[in-house]
Each structure stands twice: as C-alpha cells, then as structure tokens.
Amino acid sequence: MPIEPVNKSSEYSQYRQQIYASRTRHKLLLLTCTVAIMVYYLLFFEFNGLTATRLAEGLVQLSQYFLRMFVWQNFSQWPLGYYFSQLAITLGIVFAGTISATLLALPLSFLASRKIMSGFWLTPIGIIVRRMFDVMRGVDMAIWGLIFIRAVGMGPLAGVLAIFIQDAGLLGKLYAESHDAVDKRPSRGLSALGAKHLQKHRFGIFTQSFPQFLALTLYQIESNTRSAAVLGFVGAGGIGLVYAENMRLWNWDVVMFITIMLVVMVLVLDKVSEILRKKYIIGEDIPLYQPK
C-alpha cells in the first residue's frame, strides 16, 4: 500500500498561523486590560473630585514639605536623648510582641497544619485553630492598638499586645503552610523506627520547615519595626508618638530626622537577618576529608 507523502510546508504554515493567532489574542487581551485600567482610574478620579488643578496644588504643597524636611533648624537644641529613648522603646515593643507571638504561633501551627491534623477527630481541631488565626490577623494592628488602649491604657503595653495578637495569627498561618509543604518521607522513616508523634513532628517536620520559620520570623521583625511607628499615632507609645507630635506642630525637619533613624534601624536589622540566614538557612561549606 503506497504511503502518501507528508506536506511539511502546509503543516508549518498552519503552525505559524496558530502562533500568530495566539499572539493576536494576547495583544487584544493586553489592550483590553490596559483600556479597562485607564477607564477605572478616570472614573475613580471623577467620582472623588480629583481634578488636575487640585493635583497640581497638592504637588506644590508636597514640594514645600520636602524642602522643609531637609532644612534642620537649631539641630543642637533638639532633644536627641528623648528621640533615641523613644526609638529604643519602639524596638522593645517590636521584639517583645514578635517573640511572644512566635512562641504562641509555633506550637499552634502544628495544630493548624492539614498534614498533621488529618483524621476524624483531628480535622475539626485544625479547622478551629485556622479560623482563630483568621480572626487574629483579620483585624489591622492599629485597630488592635486602639482596642488594647481602652483596656490597659496608653503606653507600650498596648503596642506589645497589638503586635502579639496580629503576628500570632499571621505567623501561625504561615508556619502551618510551611509544615504542609514538607516531605512526608522522613516522618514515615521515623515511624518505621518506632518514633513517637512528638518526635516525628520535631525531627521529621520542623527540621524541614525551620528555614521558613526563621526567614518568616526575621522578616516580621523588620516589618513590625515599620508598623510600630503607626501604633504611636494611636497612643501605643514609641517613636510614632514623636512622629505625631511633630507633624501636628509642622516640624517637618524633625519628621525627616526620625524617618532617617527608622531607615537606619531597618537597615541594621536587615543586615542581622542576612547574617542569620546565611548561618542557619544557607549553611556553611564543609571541607572534604583530605588524607595526609
């Protein structure tokens, strides 16, 4: 039976037509999304009364604020000791709240893990713990600060409790997801050796999720350093209180100085985090054995 020759040129032309057709669809989709975004912004500005004149006036005022920020008048008379003490209080609030949240979130994360809490009796417990994490992290840190200010009064304690509650929910969820992503084979091997449940969780799961645990905790410390400044605006103590006082008095030079201090503090924390990541996550090279 004769074999019909395959027309490769026709197949190649059809393949090229399919490629060009898909590119045309992608271009149309990109154009549609771009037009939709532009229409959204135009409608948003029109609905909220943001005109070009108002935008120009705002840019002029913003430029004036920036000029005031970089002209530091009577710097030698500033209460620098008070500023640095409030910065130290902010660091104390951040570390106390974050470390306390970590100590609570880590054991609860095992109860929220779908891989660990699998079973007829364990699954409902995991669902309850996950919903509790949703409630804790679903409320903004500033709202928690206002709630605790009414409960314990103004001061650093309210800031610590606000960071503790929100970070416990956020870190608990992230820790649980890192537990779910680990490989099951080490736990199975430990089960074959007769290990108990706590030993399997410690050496089979947490050993694998520890890099994520450390990375998330260090990042949250950096993030809370920035967020703690907002807590001061609501009366939770720290450098945010100095921010609020000087913004009310239009002391934009002091605001810039405090901003620079916060940026330097974040840079120092980032460097410390980098050192810890290299040591405990990336690890160090082990030299091979070389016989003499």
Protein backbone atom coordinates (compact mmCIF):
# COMPACT_ATOMS: atom_id res chain seq x y z
CA MET A 1 0.00 0.00 0.00
CA PRO A 2 1.66 3.29 -1.06
CA ILE A 3 2.47 5.85 1.64
CA GLU A 4 1.18 9.31 0.92
CA PRO A 5 3.89 11.96 1.19
CA VAL A 6 3.53 14.40 4.07
CA ASN A 7 3.31 18.02 3.02
CA LYS A 8 5.61 19.58 5.61
CA SER A 9 5.25 23.08 4.19
CA SER A 10 1.49 23.09 4.75
CA GLU A 11 1.90 21.83 8.33
CA TYR A 12 4.49 24.50 9.00
CA SER A 13 2.22 27.22 7.60
CA GLN A 14 -0.65 26.02 9.79
CA TYR A 15 1.65 26.05 12.82
CA ARG A 16 2.70 29.62 12.04
CA GLN A 17 -0.93 30.67 11.65
CA GLN A 18 -1.74 29.22 15.07
CA ILE A 19 1.19 31.10 16.63
CA TYR A 20 0.16 34.40 15.04
CA ALA A 21 -3.46 33.84 16.06
CA SER A 22 -2.44 33.26 19.69
CA ARG A 23 -0.24 36.37 19.62
CA THR A 24 -3.13 38.39 18.26
CA ARG A 25 -5.39 37.15 21.07
CA HIS A 26 -2.76 38.07 23.66
CA LYS A 27 -2.37 41.55 22.19
CA LEU A 28 -6.13 42.08 22.23
CA LEU A 29 -6.32 40.85 25.82
CA LEU A 30 -3.47 43.16 26.88
CA LEU A 31 -5.09 46.12 25.08
CA THR A 32 -8.45 45.39 26.71
CA CYS A 33 -6.91 45.20 30.20
CA THR A 34 -4.99 48.45 29.65
CA VAL A 35 -8.10 50.30 28.49
CA ALA A 36 -10.11 48.88 31.41
CA ILE A 37 -7.50 50.05 33.94
CA MET A 38 -7.37 53.54 32.41
CA VAL A 39 -11.16 53.81 32.45
CA TYR A 40 -11.19 52.66 36.08
CA TYR A 41 -8.74 55.38 37.13
CA LEU A 42 -10.60 58.07 35.19
CA LEU A 43 -13.90 57.08 36.80
CA PHE A 44 -12.26 56.90 40.23
CA PHE A 45 -10.79 60.40 39.92
CA GLU A 46 -14.04 61.79 38.51
CA PHE A 47 -16.15 60.23 41.28
CA ASN A 48 -13.87 61.54 44.06
CA GLY A 49 -13.44 65.00 42.55
CA LEU A 50 -9.69 64.73 41.92
CA THR A 51 -9.14 67.36 39.25
CA ALA A 52 -5.89 68.36 37.56
CA THR A 53 -5.89 71.71 39.42
CA ARG A 54 -6.22 70.01 42.78
CA LEU A 55 -3.43 67.58 41.85
CA ALA A 56 -1.12 70.45 40.86
CA GLU A 57 -1.80 72.28 44.13
CA GLY A 58 -1.07 69.12 46.08
CA LEU A 59 2.26 68.62 44.29
CA VAL A 60 3.27 72.21 45.08
CA GLN A 61 2.49 71.72 48.79
CA LEU A 62 4.32 68.40 48.78
CA SER A 63 7.43 70.02 47.32
CA GLN A 64 7.28 72.67 50.06
CA TYR A 65 7.10 69.96 52.73
CA PHE A 66 10.13 68.22 51.27
CA LEU A 67 12.11 71.46 51.28
CA ARG A 68 11.27 71.98 54.95
CA MET A 69 12.32 68.43 55.76
CA PHE A 70 15.88 68.97 54.56
CA VAL A 71 16.43 72.27 56.41
CA TRP A 72 17.26 71.33 60.01
CA GLN A 73 16.98 74.43 62.16
CA ASN A 74 18.54 74.60 65.66
CA PHE A 75 19.69 70.99 65.45
CA SER A 76 21.93 71.36 68.51
CA GLN A 77 18.89 72.22 70.65
CA TRP A 78 16.86 69.15 69.68
CA PRO A 79 16.08 66.66 72.48
CA LEU A 80 18.06 63.85 70.83
CA GLY A 81 18.11 61.80 74.02
CA TYR A 82 14.32 61.75 74.06
CA TYR A 83 14.17 60.72 70.40
CA PHE A 84 16.63 57.86 70.85
CA SER A 85 14.86 56.69 74.01
CA GLN A 86 11.57 56.51 72.12
CA LEU A 87 13.35 54.60 69.36
CA ALA A 88 14.61 52.12 71.96
CA ILE A 89 11.06 51.77 73.30
CA THR A 90 9.88 51.03 69.76
CA LEU A 91 12.49 48.27 69.41
CA GLY A 92 11.42 46.87 72.78
CA ILE A 93 7.77 46.83 71.66
CA VAL A 94 8.69 45.09 68.41
CA PHE A 95 10.84 42.36 69.94
CA ALA A 96 8.51 41.71 72.87
CA GLY A 97 5.44 41.45 70.65
CA THR A 98 7.06 39.44 67.84
CA ILE A 99 8.92 36.95 70.03
CA SER A 100 5.84 36.39 72.19
CA ALA A 101 3.75 35.84 69.05
CA THR A 102 6.34 33.38 67.74
CA LEU A 103 6.28 31.36 70.96
CA LEU A 104 2.49 31.05 70.69
CA ALA A 105 2.22 30.63 66.92
CA LEU A 106 4.79 27.84 66.60
CA PRO A 107 3.03 25.18 68.73
CA LEU A 108 -0.41 26.23 67.44
CA SER A 109 0.83 25.97 63.85
CA PHE A 110 1.17 22.20 64.25
CA LEU A 111 -2.50 22.09 65.30
CA ALA A 112 -3.43 24.12 62.21
CA SER A 113 -1.44 22.01 59.75
CA ARG A 114 -3.61 19.94 57.42
CA LYS A 115 -0.85 17.39 57.03
CA ILE A 116 -0.59 16.80 60.79
CA MET A 117 -4.22 17.25 61.84
CA SER A 118 -5.66 14.66 59.46
CA GLY A 119 -8.23 12.30 60.84
CA PHE A 120 -11.81 12.11 62.04
CA TRP A 121 -11.11 13.77 65.40
CA LEU A 122 -8.13 15.94 64.45
CA THR A 123 -9.56 17.70 61.37
CA PRO A 124 -12.17 19.76 63.33
CA ILE A 125 -9.44 20.93 65.72
CA GLY A 126 -7.34 22.08 62.78
CA ILE A 127 -10.29 23.97 61.31
CA ILE A 128 -10.97 25.75 64.62
CA VAL A 129 -7.32 26.79 65.02
CA ARG A 130 -7.14 28.06 61.42
CA ARG A 131 -10.31 30.13 61.87
CA MET A 132 -8.85 31.55 65.09
CA PHE A 133 -5.76 32.61 63.12
CA ASP A 134 -8.05 34.28 60.55
CA VAL A 135 -9.75 36.33 63.25
CA MET A 136 -6.47 37.38 64.85
CA ARG A 137 -4.82 38.51 61.63
CA GLY A 138 -8.02 39.81 60.02
CA VAL A 139 -8.01 42.94 62.22
CA ASP A 140 -5.37 45.56 61.49
CA MET A 141 -2.62 46.19 64.02
CA ALA A 142 -3.73 49.80 64.56
CA ILE A 143 -7.28 48.60 65.39
CA TRP A 144 -5.90 46.13 67.91
CA GLY A 145 -3.86 49.01 69.36
CA LEU A 146 -6.99 51.12 69.84
CA ILE A 147 -8.77 48.18 71.48
CA PHE A 148 -5.94 47.49 73.93
CA ILE A 149 -5.50 51.19 74.71
CA ARG A 150 -9.07 51.15 76.01
CA ALA A 151 -8.29 48.01 78.00
CA VAL A 152 -4.83 48.65 79.51
CA GLY A 153 -4.35 52.35 78.87
CA MET A 154 -1.94 54.29 76.67
CA GLY A 155 1.65 53.11 76.58
CA PRO A 156 3.98 50.41 75.24
CA LEU A 157 1.93 47.54 76.71
CA ALA A 158 -0.91 48.24 74.29
CA GLY A 159 1.57 48.20 71.39
CA VAL A 160 3.07 44.89 72.52
CA LEU A 161 -0.38 43.29 72.77
CA ALA A 162 -1.41 44.64 69.35
CA ILE A 163 1.69 43.19 67.67
CA PHE A 164 1.31 39.95 69.63
CA ILE A 165 -2.28 39.32 68.55
CA GLN A 166 -1.85 40.12 64.86
CA ASP A 167 1.51 38.36 64.49
CA ALA A 168 0.27 35.26 66.29
CA GLY A 169 -2.45 34.88 63.66
CA LEU A 170 -0.23 35.76 60.71
CA LEU A 171 2.81 33.71 61.71
CA GLY A 172 0.65 30.79 62.81
CA LYS A 173 -0.90 30.59 59.35
CA LEU A 174 2.46 30.91 57.58
CA TYR A 175 4.13 28.34 59.86
CA ALA A 176 1.28 25.90 59.26
CA GLU A 177 1.63 26.31 55.49
CA SER A 178 5.36 25.63 55.74
CA HIS A 179 4.59 22.43 57.70
CA ASP A 180 2.18 21.38 54.96
CA ALA A 181 4.87 21.82 52.29
CA VAL A 182 7.44 19.44 53.82
CA ASP A 183 8.24 15.97 52.51
CA LYS A 184 6.43 13.08 54.25
CA ARG A 185 9.18 10.52 53.74
CA PRO A 186 11.31 11.46 56.79
CA SER A 187 8.24 11.14 59.05
CA ARG A 188 7.47 7.73 57.55
CA GLY A 189 11.04 6.64 58.16
CA LEU A 190 10.83 7.77 61.78
CA SER A 191 7.54 5.88 62.17
CA ALA A 192 9.24 2.74 60.91
CA LEU A 193 11.91 3.21 63.56
CA GLY A 194 9.27 3.47 66.28
CA ALA A 195 9.36 7.23 66.87
CA LYS A 196 6.52 8.86 68.77
CA HIS A 197 4.27 11.59 67.34
CA LEU A 198 6.16 14.40 69.06
CA GLN A 199 9.47 13.06 67.78
CA LYS A 200 8.11 12.81 64.23
CA HIS A 201 6.88 16.39 64.35
CA ARG A 202 10.16 17.62 65.83
CA PHE A 203 12.66 15.76 63.65
CA GLY A 204 10.59 14.90 60.57
CA ILE A 205 8.60 18.12 60.02
CA PHE A 206 10.08 21.02 61.97
CA THR A 207 13.61 20.20 60.80
CA GLN A 208 12.46 20.77 57.22
CA SER A 209 10.30 23.82 57.95
CA PHE A 210 12.87 25.52 60.20
CA PRO A 211 14.39 27.65 57.38
CA GLN A 212 10.95 29.03 56.57
CA PHE A 213 10.27 29.56 60.27
CA LEU A 214 13.44 31.58 60.72
CA ALA A 215 13.01 33.57 57.50
CA LEU A 216 9.39 34.49 58.29
CA THR A 217 10.23 35.49 61.87
CA LEU A 218 13.12 37.72 60.82
CA TYR A 219 11.06 39.36 58.11
CA GLN A 220 8.22 40.01 60.55
CA ILE A 221 10.62 41.72 62.96
CA GLU A 222 11.67 44.07 60.15
CA SER A 223 8.07 44.68 59.13
CA ASN A 224 6.94 45.36 62.70
CA THR A 225 9.71 47.94 63.10
CA ARG A 226 7.99 49.99 60.41
CA SER A 227 4.49 49.21 61.63
CA ALA A 228 5.26 50.09 65.24
CA ALA A 229 5.61 53.73 64.21
CA VAL A 230 1.92 53.69 63.26
CA LEU A 231 0.99 52.38 66.71
CA GLY A 232 2.42 55.53 68.25
CA PHE A 233 -0.16 57.61 66.37
CA VAL A 234 -2.98 55.86 68.24
CA GLY A 235 -1.24 56.22 71.62
CA ALA A 236 0.59 52.89 71.91
CA GLY A 237 3.95 54.52 72.68
CA GLY A 238 7.26 54.51 70.88
CA ILE A 239 8.68 56.68 68.13
CA GLY A 240 5.27 57.03 66.48
CA LEU A 241 4.25 59.36 69.30
CA VAL A 242 7.14 61.66 68.39
CA TYR A 243 6.02 61.45 64.76
CA ALA A 244 2.51 62.52 65.64
CA GLU A 245 3.61 65.38 67.91
CA ASN A 246 5.95 66.92 65.34
CA MET A 247 3.50 66.52 62.46
CA ARG A 248 0.89 68.43 64.43
CA LEU A 249 3.46 71.17 65.09
CA TRP A 250 4.62 71.18 61.43
CA ASN A 251 8.19 70.33 62.45
CA TRP A 252 8.98 68.59 59.18
CA ASP A 253 12.73 68.69 59.83
CA VAL A 254 12.25 66.54 62.93
CA VAL A 255 9.98 64.22 60.96
CA MET A 256 12.74 63.71 58.38
CA PHE A 257 15.31 63.07 61.12
CA ILE A 258 13.09 60.41 62.71
CA THR A 259 12.46 58.87 59.30
CA ILE A 260 16.19 58.59 58.69
CA MET A 261 16.64 56.93 62.10
CA LEU A 262 13.93 54.40 61.28
CA VAL A 263 15.51 53.64 57.90
CA VAL A 264 18.92 53.12 59.52
CA MET A 265 17.35 50.85 62.13
CA VAL A 266 15.67 48.76 59.42
CA LEU A 267 18.97 48.53 57.53
CA VAL A 268 20.75 47.27 60.67
CA LEU A 269 18.03 44.68 61.30
CA ASP A 270 18.21 43.60 57.66
CA LYS A 271 21.96 43.07 57.98
CA VAL A 272 21.50 41.00 61.13
CA SER A 273 18.81 38.97 59.34
CA GLU A 274 21.16 38.39 56.41
CA ILE A 275 23.86 37.06 58.74
CA LEU A 276 21.41 34.71 60.48
CA ARG A 277 20.02 33.50 57.14
CA LYS A 278 23.48 32.68 55.84
CA LYS A 279 24.34 30.80 59.02
CA TYR A 280 21.15 28.82 59.66
CA ILE A 281 19.41 28.62 56.26
CA ILE A 282 22.08 28.62 53.58
CA GLY A 283 24.64 26.96 55.83
CA GLU A 284 28.40 26.81 55.61
CA ASP A 285 30.57 24.73 53.32
CA ILE A 286 32.06 21.67 54.98
CA PRO A 287 35.56 20.87 53.71
CA LEU A 288 36.01 17.36 52.41
CA TYR A 289 38.31 14.97 54.22
CA GLN A 290 41.78 15.03 52.74
CA PRO A 291 44.10 12.28 53.93
CA LYS A 292 47.65 13.30 54.72
